[in-house]
């Protein structure tokens, strides 16, 4: 008995391709939904977890027992949100101060030179600071032992820019009580008192302009913020 080999015709090939495509598409449909990367949107300003991460990672080095949500809200409330508001509100003034800060940094390569070059600058202070008493960007730079005797690039803060030099790093039995002897030179748009007054007024203005909050953080927002109504 003879057997004739049959080759698949075009219709059967198209059918096989269609089945394979359907299988691929069904697999795509079962993919997990994208992870929400926003913590907050307020008055058009967006705060994402990715932006918060470097600062939260730093806080982890000395307060690992503090909850992650607490640290996210801490950085958002005390640093990143005020900074973004300041960038939007005082863009021209901040750019002027940034240029002055860069000018000082360009002629000061070590803390002794920073002290000499900043002699006539009004906004400056030499004091002992801890990780918690300093502004976050200042602490992140100053508490790197490799930066002892060095001078920072301009560090961005809500009220302007700081150029920082470290004279000495003092380690303690507890990391939270480590301190550095630091010179902080400010190039600011506001004094501390002026900034506090501005920020209190701004909180009143934008507190009810929250248009999104991550569902896991609704109950953790600062009291001055009003989260949007939950959808039924």
Protein backbone atom coordinates (compact mmCIF):
# COMPACT_ATOMS: atom_id res chain seq x y z
CA UNK A 1 0.00 0.00 0.00
CA UNK A 2 1.38 3.41 -0.91
CA UNK A 3 1.04 6.50 1.25
CA UNK A 4 0.96 10.04 -0.18
CA UNK A 5 2.56 12.76 1.96
CA UNK A 6 0.24 15.76 2.35
CA UNK A 7 1.62 19.33 2.81
CA UNK A 8 -0.42 21.79 4.86
CA UNK A 9 -2.31 24.24 2.69
CA UNK A 10 -2.32 28.01 3.23
CA UNK A 11 -5.57 27.99 5.13
CA UNK A 12 -4.30 25.55 7.71
CA UNK A 13 -1.08 27.53 8.12
CA UNK A 14 -3.09 30.72 8.68
CA UNK A 15 -5.17 28.90 11.24
CA UNK A 16 -2.07 27.81 13.16
CA UNK A 17 -0.65 31.32 13.13
CA UNK A 18 -3.96 32.73 14.34
CA UNK A 19 -4.05 30.27 17.23
CA UNK A 20 -0.49 31.15 18.23
CA UNK A 21 -1.27 34.86 18.11
CA UNK A 22 -4.38 34.36 20.23
CA UNK A 23 -2.28 32.49 22.79
CA UNK A 24 0.24 35.34 22.96
CA UNK A 25 -2.49 37.94 23.33
CA UNK A 26 -4.21 35.99 26.06
CA UNK A 27 -0.90 35.84 27.93
CA UNK A 28 -0.55 39.63 27.64
CA UNK A 29 -4.04 40.11 28.99
CA UNK A 30 -3.07 38.25 32.14
CA UNK A 31 -0.07 40.49 32.89
CA UNK A 32 -0.05 42.17 36.30
CA UNK A 33 -1.25 45.81 36.32
CA UNK A 34 1.45 48.49 36.49
CA UNK A 35 2.56 49.45 39.99
CA UNK A 36 1.44 52.95 40.99
CA UNK A 37 4.60 55.04 41.37
CA UNK A 38 2.92 58.24 42.59
CA UNK A 39 2.52 59.03 46.24
CA UNK A 40 0.77 62.36 45.84
CA UNK A 41 -0.46 64.97 43.38
CA UNK A 42 -1.25 68.33 44.96
CA UNK A 43 -1.89 71.61 43.14
CA UNK A 44 -0.48 69.99 40.00
CA UNK A 45 2.76 68.94 41.71
CA UNK A 46 3.54 65.22 41.53
CA UNK A 47 5.58 63.36 44.13
CA UNK A 48 6.77 59.86 43.16
CA UNK A 49 8.28 57.04 45.19
CA UNK A 50 11.29 57.00 42.87
CA UNK A 51 12.09 60.62 43.78
CA UNK A 52 11.77 59.86 47.48
CA UNK A 53 13.93 56.73 47.41
CA UNK A 54 17.47 58.23 47.79
CA UNK A 55 16.39 60.19 50.87
CA UNK A 56 14.47 57.29 52.40
CA UNK A 57 17.51 55.04 51.83
CA UNK A 58 19.65 57.55 53.72
CA UNK A 59 17.21 57.70 56.65
CA UNK A 60 17.29 53.89 56.73
CA UNK A 61 20.99 54.09 57.63
CA UNK A 62 20.27 55.69 61.00
CA UNK A 63 16.57 55.00 61.67
CA UNK A 64 15.94 51.53 60.24
CA UNK A 65 13.19 50.86 62.77
CA UNK A 66 11.01 53.70 61.47
CA UNK A 67 8.25 52.50 59.17
CA UNK A 68 8.65 52.93 55.41
CA UNK A 69 5.39 54.86 55.06
CA UNK A 70 6.45 57.23 57.82
CA UNK A 71 9.75 57.88 56.03
CA UNK A 72 8.06 58.46 52.68
CA UNK A 73 5.70 61.03 54.20
CA UNK A 74 8.54 62.61 56.20
CA UNK A 75 10.63 63.28 53.07
CA UNK A 76 7.63 64.39 51.02
CA UNK A 77 6.33 66.77 53.69
CA UNK A 78 9.58 68.27 54.97
CA UNK A 79 11.72 68.39 51.86
CA UNK A 80 10.50 67.36 48.42
CA UNK A 81 7.10 69.08 48.32
CA UNK A 82 8.37 72.42 49.70
CA UNK A 83 11.29 72.22 47.27
CA UNK A 84 9.02 71.68 44.26
CA UNK A 85 6.76 74.54 45.34
CA UNK A 86 9.80 76.80 45.71
CA UNK A 87 11.14 75.81 42.28
CA UNK A 88 7.83 76.77 40.71
CA UNK A 89 7.25 79.96 42.68
CA UNK A 90 10.75 81.45 42.87
CA UNK A 91 12.46 80.12 39.74
CA UNK A 92 14.23 83.37 38.82
CA UNK A 93 15.40 84.13 42.36
CA UNK A 94 16.64 80.56 42.83
CA UNK A 95 18.64 80.67 39.61
CA UNK A 96 20.37 83.87 40.75
CA UNK A 97 21.31 82.29 44.07
CA UNK A 98 22.48 79.09 42.40
CA UNK A 99 24.94 81.04 40.27
CA UNK A 100 26.32 82.79 43.36
CA UNK A 101 26.70 79.44 45.14
CA UNK A 102 28.53 77.98 42.17
CA UNK A 103 30.80 81.02 42.11
CA UNK A 104 31.84 80.44 45.72
CA UNK A 105 32.35 76.73 45.17
CA UNK A 106 34.59 77.43 42.17
CA UNK A 107 37.13 79.23 44.38
CA UNK A 108 36.91 77.01 47.48
CA UNK A 109 38.31 73.48 47.21
CA UNK A 110 38.63 72.77 50.94
CA UNK A 111 36.91 73.86 54.14
CA UNK A 112 39.65 76.31 55.14
CA UNK A 113 39.38 78.04 51.80
CA UNK A 114 35.58 78.05 52.07
CA UNK A 115 35.83 79.82 55.43
CA UNK A 116 38.18 82.43 53.98
CA UNK A 117 36.18 83.06 50.81
CA UNK A 118 32.87 83.26 52.72
CA UNK A 119 34.14 85.77 55.26
CA UNK A 120 31.92 88.59 53.98
CA UNK A 121 28.84 86.48 53.22
CA UNK A 122 25.96 87.19 55.57
CA UNK A 123 24.12 83.87 55.65
CA UNK A 124 26.55 81.38 57.14
CA UNK A 125 27.02 79.39 60.32
CA UNK A 126 29.57 77.01 61.76
CA UNK A 127 28.07 74.49 64.17
CA UNK A 128 27.86 70.84 65.10
CA UNK A 129 25.07 69.05 63.24
CA UNK A 130 23.59 65.56 63.46
CA UNK A 131 21.91 63.62 60.70
CA UNK A 132 18.50 64.65 62.02
CA UNK A 133 19.27 68.30 62.78
CA UNK A 134 20.58 69.09 59.29
CA UNK A 135 18.61 69.50 56.10
CA UNK A 136 18.45 66.16 54.30
CA UNK A 137 20.77 67.01 51.36
CA UNK A 138 23.25 68.57 53.79
CA UNK A 139 23.24 65.51 56.04
CA UNK A 140 23.58 63.12 53.10
CA UNK A 141 26.71 64.92 51.94
CA UNK A 142 28.26 65.88 55.29
CA UNK A 143 28.00 62.42 56.88
CA UNK A 144 30.05 60.74 54.20
CA UNK A 145 33.44 60.37 55.91
CA UNK A 146 35.17 60.84 52.56
CA UNK A 147 33.92 64.44 52.52
CA UNK A 148 35.71 65.51 55.71
CA UNK A 149 37.74 68.70 54.99
CA UNK A 150 36.08 68.95 51.57
CA UNK A 151 33.48 71.37 50.19
CA UNK A 152 30.13 70.34 48.76
CA UNK A 153 28.64 71.36 45.45
CA UNK A 154 25.65 73.71 45.88
CA UNK A 155 23.02 71.67 47.73
CA UNK A 156 19.42 72.49 46.83
CA UNK A 157 16.99 73.38 49.61
CA UNK A 158 13.50 74.89 49.61
CA UNK A 159 14.81 78.33 50.63
CA UNK A 160 17.80 78.31 48.27
CA UNK A 161 21.24 76.68 48.15
CA UNK A 162 23.88 75.74 50.72
CA UNK A 163 27.60 75.24 50.17
CA UNK A 164 28.93 73.11 53.02
CA UNK A 165 32.37 72.30 54.37
CA UNK A 166 33.16 69.73 57.07
CA UNK A 167 35.99 70.26 59.56
CA UNK A 168 35.65 67.00 61.48
CA UNK A 169 33.48 63.88 61.75
CA UNK A 170 32.77 62.66 65.31
CA UNK A 171 31.52 59.10 65.61
CA UNK A 172 29.51 58.01 68.64
CA UNK A 173 28.40 54.65 70.07
CA UNK A 174 24.96 55.37 68.55
CA UNK A 175 24.79 56.43 64.92
CA UNK A 176 22.02 58.92 65.71
CA UNK A 177 24.40 60.89 67.93
CA UNK A 178 27.25 61.09 65.43
CA UNK A 179 27.94 64.71 64.57
CA UNK A 180 30.06 66.78 62.23
CA UNK A 181 31.61 70.20 62.72
CA UNK A 182 30.31 71.95 59.61
CA UNK A 183 30.36 75.35 57.99
CA UNK A 184 27.13 76.04 56.06
CA UNK A 185 27.07 79.01 53.68
CA UNK A 186 23.62 79.94 52.43
CA UNK A 187 22.52 81.52 49.18
CA UNK A 188 18.86 81.93 49.91
CA UNK A 189 15.69 83.51 48.59
CA UNK A 190 14.23 83.66 52.12
CA UNK A 191 15.51 83.83 55.67
CA UNK A 192 14.28 81.04 57.96
CA UNK A 193 11.55 83.29 59.35
CA UNK A 194 10.45 84.44 55.89
CA UNK A 195 10.36 80.87 54.60
CA UNK A 196 8.26 79.65 57.52
CA UNK A 197 5.74 82.45 56.91
CA UNK A 198 5.58 81.69 53.19
CA UNK A 199 5.21 77.94 53.71
CA UNK A 200 2.45 78.29 56.32
CA UNK A 201 0.48 80.49 53.92
CA UNK A 202 1.14 78.11 51.03
CA UNK A 203 -0.11 75.12 53.03
CA UNK A 204 -3.35 76.99 53.64
CA UNK A 205 -3.65 77.68 49.92
CA UNK A 206 -2.96 74.20 48.55
CA UNK A 207 -4.19 71.98 51.37
CA UNK A 208 -7.50 71.21 49.67
CA UNK A 209 -5.96 70.80 46.20
CA UNK A 210 -4.94 67.15 46.53
CA UNK A 211 -6.11 65.40 43.36
CA UNK A 212 -4.43 62.03 43.96
CA UNK A 213 -3.00 60.13 46.90
CA UNK A 214 -1.78 56.55 46.84
CA UNK A 215 -4.54 54.48 48.47
CA UNK A 216 -2.11 53.06 51.04
CA UNK A 217 -1.26 56.58 52.24
CA UNK A 218 -4.67 58.26 52.59
CA UNK A 219 -4.55 58.02 56.38
CA UNK A 220 -0.90 59.10 56.63
CA UNK A 221 -1.04 62.52 54.98
CA UNK A 222 -0.22 65.63 57.01
CA UNK A 223 -3.31 66.99 58.76
CA UNK A 224 -3.28 70.14 56.64
CA UNK A 225 -3.93 68.13 53.46
CA UNK A 226 -7.44 67.10 52.46
CA UNK A 227 -7.40 63.91 50.35
CA UNK A 228 -9.87 63.64 47.47
CA UNK A 229 -13.13 61.81 48.13
CA UNK A 230 -12.94 58.10 47.55
CA UNK A 231 -14.96 56.78 44.63
CA UNK A 232 -17.94 54.66 45.71
